[in-house]
């Protein structure tokens, strides 16, 4: 009977540690999701600024070329 009780307790301890590991994994996963969400948000914000900058430069370049063409004609 003692052996049976000991085996049962070992099984409970093992299951409990697996639950703890699972909770730790989920907690770490949630933290990583929050960090990646913030980083992606910052990345896309900077990317948008860079693209807007290049669009403005391209627009100015095209405008100046058109202006130059009008003057030379």
Protein backbone atom coordinates (compact mmCIF):
# COMPACT_ATOMS: atom_id res chain seq x y z
CA UNK A 1 0.00 0.00 0.00
CA UNK A 2 2.86 2.38 0.85
CA UNK A 3 4.42 1.83 -2.58
CA UNK A 4 1.13 2.57 -4.28
CA UNK A 5 0.75 5.83 -2.33
CA UNK A 6 4.33 6.78 -3.16
CA UNK A 7 3.78 6.10 -6.89
CA UNK A 8 0.59 8.17 -6.82
CA UNK A 9 2.43 11.07 -5.16
CA UNK A 10 5.24 10.83 -7.73
CA UNK A 11 2.69 10.99 -10.54
CA UNK A 12 1.02 14.06 -8.95
CA UNK A 13 4.39 15.79 -8.53
CA UNK A 14 5.32 15.04 -12.15
CA UNK A 15 1.99 16.35 -13.44
CA UNK A 16 2.31 19.46 -11.27
CA UNK A 17 5.78 20.22 -12.61
CA UNK A 18 4.51 19.78 -16.17
CA UNK A 19 1.70 22.25 -15.48
CA UNK A 20 4.22 24.69 -14.03
CA UNK A 21 6.43 24.26 -17.10
CA UNK A 22 3.39 24.83 -19.31
CA UNK A 23 2.43 27.97 -17.38
CA UNK A 24 6.00 29.21 -17.66
CA UNK A 25 5.99 28.54 -21.39
CA UNK A 26 2.69 30.38 -21.85
CA UNK A 27 3.92 33.29 -19.74
CA UNK A 28 7.15 33.54 -21.74
CA UNK A 29 5.20 33.23 -25.00
CA UNK A 30 2.88 36.07 -23.98
CA UNK A 31 5.84 38.27 -23.04
CA UNK A 32 7.47 37.55 -26.40
CA UNK A 33 4.24 38.38 -28.21
CA UNK A 34 3.99 41.72 -26.41
CA UNK A 35 7.62 42.57 -27.17
CA UNK A 36 7.32 41.58 -30.83
CA UNK A 37 4.09 43.58 -31.16
CA UNK A 38 5.84 46.70 -29.84
CA UNK A 39 8.88 46.13 -32.04
CA UNK A 40 6.77 45.53 -35.14
CA UNK A 41 4.78 48.67 -34.42
CA UNK A 42 7.99 50.72 -34.15
CA UNK A 43 9.44 49.03 -37.26
CA UNK A 44 6.41 49.85 -39.41
CA UNK A 45 6.30 53.40 -38.06
CA UNK A 46 9.94 53.95 -39.10
CA UNK A 47 9.36 52.16 -42.42
CA UNK A 48 6.42 54.47 -43.12
CA UNK A 49 8.56 57.52 -42.37
CA UNK A 50 11.32 56.27 -44.68
CA UNK A 51 8.88 55.55 -47.50
CA UNK A 52 7.25 58.98 -47.09
CA UNK A 53 10.69 60.59 -47.21
CA UNK A 54 11.56 58.79 -50.45
CA UNK A 55 8.17 59.63 -51.95
CA UNK A 56 8.72 63.30 -51.18
CA UNK A 57 12.22 63.18 -52.70
CA UNK A 58 10.89 61.41 -55.80
CA UNK A 59 8.11 63.96 -56.14
CA UNK A 60 10.58 66.83 -55.85
CA UNK A 61 12.90 65.16 -58.36
CA UNK A 62 10.09 64.60 -60.86
CA UNK A 63 8.82 68.15 -60.39
CA UNK A 64 12.28 69.63 -60.90
CA UNK A 65 12.84 67.50 -64.03
CA UNK A 66 9.48 68.59 -65.45
CA UNK A 67 10.30 72.19 -64.63
CA UNK A 68 13.70 71.79 -66.30
CA UNK A 69 12.06 70.29 -69.41
CA UNK A 70 9.60 73.20 -69.66
CA UNK A 71 12.43 75.72 -69.41
CA UNK A 72 14.56 74.01 -72.05
CA UNK A 73 11.66 73.78 -74.54
